[in-house]
Amino acid sequence: MDTAPADAALSPDDRDFVTALASGLDVILAFDEAHPRMTLSEVATRTGMNRARARRFLLTLHALGYVRKDHRHFELAPRVLKLGYAFLSANNYQHLIQQVLEDITTESGESSSLGVLDGDEVTYVARSASRQRLMAITLSVGTRLPAAYTSMGRMLLAQKTDDELDAFIERTTLERFTDKTITDKAELKRAILQARQQGYAIVDQELDSGLRSLAVPAFDANGELIGAINISTNAARIDHDTLLERYLPLLQGKARQIRVNVS
């Protein structure tokens, strides 16, 4: 008798696990900002596949229109965006969230985003950008950043159970991005637990010098977690007190608006 929960994830050795599908997705995910265009050998190295296997997946993705080929190099095709749009369009709150983020930008003059936890990273699923350029990288829908060093990531990690949080802390590898980055696991856990207790998270120049951000959780009318919404600011322009006194009430009010209107 199968006693596994109905929503339990399959393990790779389960007979229902489709290895070819998983490998195809691995090939797509091998492309990122640092690797937008790769040779067959580079894709094989990044995915851990042999060249013959990587070649088959690349050529299949090319035939389906998800990958473009230019002599020896491969890159993702615009058709890949349909995968992300499928997620967004399947959630009937997308238009409301986008309007809320745009309202935050209008009222604060700052960029605002909605992020969800995907593994140990935060994925941006909606964004309203201000004219201020805050980071060396360009943030957009689909951008993935380490959860440990983002305000949205810490706020989402704060929603985890104690066991889940401990497992995250145990497996994560801490990396120093700036002189303010937390690199001690006990200190990181304290910061996440503080975010849980106070209902908001602030990350001050830990991922990128000059970037200060504030996040709160966003729930639907049933109390289910949707994600986290944030405001990203320039640390030289917006101080810590302004975040708490002006921007925190703004974010909290918008989070309440989401909860009232999303079922």
Protein backbone atom coordinates (compact mmCIF):
# COMPACT_ATOMS: atom_id res chain seq x y z
CA MET A 1 0.00 0.00 0.00
CA ASP A 2 1.37 3.44 -0.96
CA THR A 3 1.44 5.62 2.14
CA ALA A 4 3.31 8.58 0.61
CA PRO A 5 1.47 11.91 0.71
CA ALA A 6 -0.46 12.68 -2.47
CA ASP A 7 1.65 15.78 -3.10
CA ALA A 8 5.02 14.21 -2.25
CA ALA A 9 7.72 14.87 -4.85
CA LEU A 10 9.00 11.93 -6.84
CA SER A 11 12.60 10.88 -6.36
CA PRO A 12 14.75 10.49 -9.50
CA ASP A 13 14.74 6.69 -9.10
CA ASP A 14 10.92 6.48 -9.02
CA ARG A 15 9.48 4.66 -12.03
CA ASP A 16 7.19 7.63 -12.78
CA PHE A 17 10.10 10.09 -12.88
CA VAL A 18 10.79 11.12 -16.51
CA THR A 19 14.54 11.57 -16.66
CA ALA A 20 14.50 12.93 -20.20
CA LEU A 21 12.13 15.75 -19.23
CA ALA A 22 14.27 16.62 -16.21
CA SER A 23 17.40 16.67 -18.35
CA GLY A 24 15.77 18.90 -20.94
CA LEU A 25 14.87 21.40 -18.26
CA ASP A 26 18.42 21.20 -16.92
CA VAL A 27 19.68 22.24 -20.34
CA ILE A 28 17.34 25.24 -20.43
CA LEU A 29 18.34 26.29 -16.92
CA ALA A 30 22.04 26.02 -17.80
CA PHE A 31 21.67 29.31 -19.68
CA ASP A 32 21.76 32.40 -17.48
CA GLU A 33 23.10 35.94 -17.42
CA ALA A 34 26.67 34.71 -17.10
CA HIS A 35 26.18 32.03 -19.76
CA PRO A 36 23.75 33.42 -22.37
CA ARG A 37 25.51 31.73 -25.29
CA MET A 38 27.34 28.42 -25.08
CA THR A 39 28.94 25.71 -27.16
CA LEU A 40 27.88 22.08 -26.90
CA SER A 41 30.88 21.36 -24.70
CA GLU A 42 30.01 24.21 -22.34
CA VAL A 43 26.41 23.01 -22.00
CA ALA A 44 27.62 19.47 -21.33
CA THR A 45 29.98 20.74 -18.63
CA ARG A 46 27.35 22.89 -16.91
CA THR A 47 24.74 20.12 -16.88
CA GLY A 48 27.10 17.26 -16.08
CA MET A 49 26.03 15.39 -19.22
CA ASN A 50 28.25 13.79 -21.81
CA ARG A 51 28.45 15.56 -25.17
CA ALA A 52 26.22 13.09 -27.01
CA ARG A 53 23.40 13.43 -24.48
CA ALA A 54 23.68 17.21 -24.32
CA ARG A 55 23.67 17.37 -28.12
CA ARG A 56 20.42 15.39 -28.36
CA PHE A 57 18.65 17.68 -25.92
CA LEU A 58 19.97 20.84 -27.54
CA LEU A 59 18.90 19.71 -31.00
CA THR A 60 15.47 18.68 -29.70
CA LEU A 61 15.00 22.06 -28.01
CA HIS A 62 16.16 23.70 -31.23
CA ALA A 63 13.59 21.73 -33.23
CA LEU A 64 10.87 22.82 -30.78
CA GLY A 65 11.90 26.46 -31.02
CA TYR A 66 13.21 26.88 -27.47
CA VAL A 67 16.87 27.16 -28.49
CA ARG A 68 18.60 29.02 -31.32
CA LYS A 69 21.74 27.67 -33.02
CA ASP A 70 24.46 29.75 -34.62
CA HIS A 71 27.26 27.56 -35.96
CA ARG A 72 28.91 26.16 -32.79
CA HIS A 73 26.92 28.22 -30.31
CA PHE A 74 23.50 27.82 -28.76
CA GLU A 75 21.28 30.34 -26.96
CA LEU A 76 17.74 30.43 -25.65
CA ALA A 77 15.01 31.56 -28.03
CA PRO A 78 12.15 33.91 -27.08
CA ARG A 79 9.79 30.93 -27.06
CA VAL A 80 11.21 30.01 -23.64
CA LEU A 81 9.34 33.00 -22.24
CA LYS A 82 6.10 31.10 -22.82
CA LEU A 83 7.07 28.80 -19.95
CA GLY A 84 7.25 31.74 -17.56
CA TYR A 85 4.12 33.37 -18.96
CA ALA A 86 2.25 30.11 -18.39
CA PHE A 87 3.00 30.39 -14.67
CA LEU A 88 1.98 34.03 -14.54
CA SER A 89 -1.23 33.62 -16.52
CA ALA A 90 -2.25 30.61 -14.43
CA ASN A 91 -2.39 32.85 -11.38
CA ASN A 92 -5.48 35.06 -11.55
CA TYR A 93 -3.92 37.60 -9.20
CA GLN A 94 -1.16 38.63 -11.60
CA HIS A 95 -2.82 41.82 -12.84
CA LEU A 96 -3.67 42.93 -9.31
CA ILE A 97 -0.12 42.29 -8.10
CA GLN A 98 1.34 44.24 -10.99
CA GLN A 99 -0.93 47.18 -10.23
CA VAL A 100 0.02 47.06 -6.55
CA LEU A 101 3.73 47.11 -7.42
CA GLU A 102 3.26 50.01 -9.81
CA ASP A 103 1.35 51.89 -7.11
CA ILE A 104 4.26 51.31 -4.71
CA THR A 105 6.68 52.73 -7.26
CA THR A 106 4.41 55.74 -7.88
CA GLU A 107 4.06 56.47 -4.16
CA SER A 108 7.67 55.85 -3.17
CA GLY A 109 9.65 56.52 -6.32
CA GLU A 110 11.41 53.18 -5.76
CA SER A 111 11.42 49.80 -7.51
CA SER A 112 9.13 47.12 -6.14
CA SER A 113 8.92 43.39 -6.83
CA LEU A 114 7.08 40.20 -5.94
CA GLY A 115 9.30 37.19 -5.39
CA VAL A 116 8.67 33.54 -4.65
CA LEU A 117 10.99 30.94 -3.19
CA ASP A 118 12.22 28.38 -5.69
CA GLY A 119 14.63 26.01 -4.02
CA ASP A 120 17.19 28.17 -2.24
CA GLU A 121 16.70 31.13 -4.55
CA VAL A 122 14.17 33.91 -4.94
CA THR A 123 12.60 34.18 -8.38
CA TYR A 124 11.16 37.54 -9.42
CA VAL A 125 7.66 36.92 -10.82
CA ALA A 126 6.44 40.53 -11.05
CA ARG A 127 8.27 43.84 -10.96
CA SER A 128 7.79 47.59 -11.22
CA ALA A 129 11.09 49.36 -11.88
CA SER A 130 11.92 52.93 -11.02
CA ARG A 131 14.28 55.01 -13.10
CA GLN A 132 16.99 54.53 -10.50
CA ARG A 133 19.55 51.87 -11.45
CA LEU A 134 20.34 50.03 -8.22
CA MET A 135 22.39 46.96 -9.09
CA ALA A 136 25.09 45.99 -11.53
CA ILE A 137 22.76 43.30 -12.90
CA THR A 138 19.42 44.09 -14.48
CA LEU A 139 16.53 42.82 -12.40
CA SER A 140 13.51 41.58 -14.32
CA VAL A 141 10.82 38.93 -14.20
CA GLY A 142 12.62 35.61 -14.05
CA THR A 143 15.71 36.92 -12.27
CA ARG A 144 16.94 34.53 -9.57
CA LEU A 145 18.94 35.66 -6.55
CA PRO A 146 20.18 33.80 -3.45
CA ALA A 147 17.46 33.79 -0.81
CA ALA A 148 19.98 34.19 2.01
CA TYR A 149 21.01 37.67 0.85
CA THR A 150 17.75 39.27 -0.24
CA SER A 151 15.01 40.81 1.87
CA MET A 152 12.34 38.84 0.00
CA GLY A 153 14.32 35.65 0.45
CA ARG A 154 14.70 36.09 4.19
CA MET A 155 11.04 37.01 4.57
CA LEU A 156 10.03 33.86 2.68
CA LEU A 157 12.46 31.70 4.62
CA ALA A 158 10.90 33.12 7.78
CA GLN A 159 7.62 31.44 6.77
CA LYS A 160 9.28 28.01 6.84
CA THR A 161 8.95 25.62 9.75
CA ASP A 162 11.86 25.42 12.17
CA ASP A 163 12.94 22.08 10.66
CA GLU A 164 12.79 23.44 7.12
CA LEU A 165 14.76 26.52 8.12
CA ASP A 166 17.38 24.42 9.87
CA ALA A 167 17.74 22.26 6.76
CA PHE A 168 18.22 25.37 4.62
CA ILE A 169 20.86 26.78 6.98
CA GLU A 170 22.65 23.43 7.04
CA ARG A 171 22.89 22.99 3.27
CA THR A 172 23.47 26.58 2.19
CA THR A 173 26.96 27.81 1.36
CA LEU A 174 27.49 31.38 2.49
CA GLU A 175 29.43 33.67 0.19
CA ARG A 176 30.79 37.14 0.85
CA PHE A 177 29.49 39.67 -1.69
CA THR A 178 30.29 42.87 0.22
CA ASP A 179 31.91 43.80 3.52
CA LYS A 180 28.41 43.77 5.06
CA THR A 181 27.47 40.25 3.96
CA ILE A 182 26.52 37.84 6.73
CA THR A 183 28.79 34.81 6.43
CA ASP A 184 28.08 33.15 9.78
CA LYS A 185 25.24 30.62 9.70
CA ALA A 186 24.12 31.32 13.26
CA GLU A 187 23.92 35.03 12.49
CA LEU A 188 21.96 34.35 9.30
CA LYS A 189 19.46 32.22 11.23
CA ARG A 190 19.04 34.98 13.82
CA ALA A 191 18.32 37.49 11.04
CA ILE A 192 15.67 35.20 9.54
CA LEU A 193 14.06 34.53 12.91
CA GLN A 194 14.02 38.26 13.59
CA ALA A 195 12.21 38.77 10.28
CA ARG A 196 9.68 36.13 11.33
CA GLN A 197 9.09 37.84 14.68
CA GLN A 198 8.78 41.40 13.38
CA GLY A 199 6.97 40.64 10.11
CA TYR A 200 9.45 42.33 7.80
CA ALA A 201 13.03 41.91 6.62
CA ILE A 202 15.67 44.49 5.79
CA VAL A 203 18.85 43.57 3.95
CA ASP A 204 21.38 46.36 3.96
CA GLN A 205 24.05 46.18 1.24
CA GLU A 206 24.78 42.47 1.74
CA LEU A 207 24.31 41.42 -1.88
CA ASP A 208 25.34 44.62 -3.64
CA SER A 209 27.05 47.70 -2.21
CA GLY A 210 24.59 50.59 -2.12
CA LEU A 211 21.48 48.39 -2.29
CA ARG A 212 19.13 48.51 0.69
CA SER A 213 15.83 46.61 0.55
CA LEU A 214 12.77 45.97 2.67
CA ALA A 215 10.25 43.13 2.26
CA VAL A 216 7.01 41.90 3.81
CA PRO A 217 5.06 38.69 3.13
CA ALA A 218 2.00 38.69 0.89
CA PHE A 219 -0.89 36.31 1.63
CA ASP A 220 -4.21 35.67 -0.09
CA ALA A 221 -7.64 35.88 1.56
CA ASN A 222 -7.30 32.29 2.77
CA GLY A 223 -4.01 32.99 4.51
CA GLU A 224 -1.96 31.14 1.90
CA LEU A 225 1.46 32.61 1.15
CA ILE A 226 1.69 34.18 -2.31
CA GLY A 227 5.23 35.48 -2.01
CA ALA A 228 7.00 38.55 -0.67
CA ILE A 229 6.83 42.13 -1.90
CA ASN A 230 9.71 44.53 -1.51
CA ILE A 231 11.04 48.01 -2.03
CA SER A 232 14.62 48.35 -3.25
CA THR A 233 16.44 51.60 -2.58
CA ASN A 234 19.79 53.32 -2.88
CA ALA A 235 21.45 53.26 0.54
CA ALA A 236 23.05 56.65 -0.03
CA ARG A 237 19.66 58.19 -0.73
CA ILE A 238 17.30 56.38 1.66
CA ASP A 239 18.34 55.75 5.25
CA HIS A 240 17.21 52.97 7.59
CA ASP A 241 14.76 55.22 9.47
CA THR A 242 12.99 56.19 6.23
CA LEU A 243 12.57 52.52 5.39
CA LEU A 244 10.84 51.87 8.69
CA GLU A 245 8.85 55.08 9.07
CA ARG A 246 7.70 55.65 5.49
CA TYR A 247 8.17 52.55 3.37
CA LEU A 248 7.25 49.81 5.84
CA PRO A 249 3.69 51.18 6.41
CA LEU A 250 3.35 51.53 2.63
CA LEU A 251 4.33 47.90 2.01
CA GLN A 252 2.17 46.63 4.85
CA GLY A 253 -0.82 48.52 3.50
CA LYS A 254 -0.31 47.07 0.02
CA ALA A 255 0.06 43.58 1.50
CA ARG A 256 -3.33 44.04 3.22
CA GLN A 257 -4.78 45.16 -0.12
CA ILE A 258 -3.53 41.98 -1.73
CA ARG A 259 -4.99 39.85 1.05
CA VAL A 260 -8.42 41.46 0.74
CA ASN A 261 -8.57 41.15 -3.05
CA VAL A 262 -6.90 37.81 -3.82
CA SER A 263 -8.84 34.66 -3.06
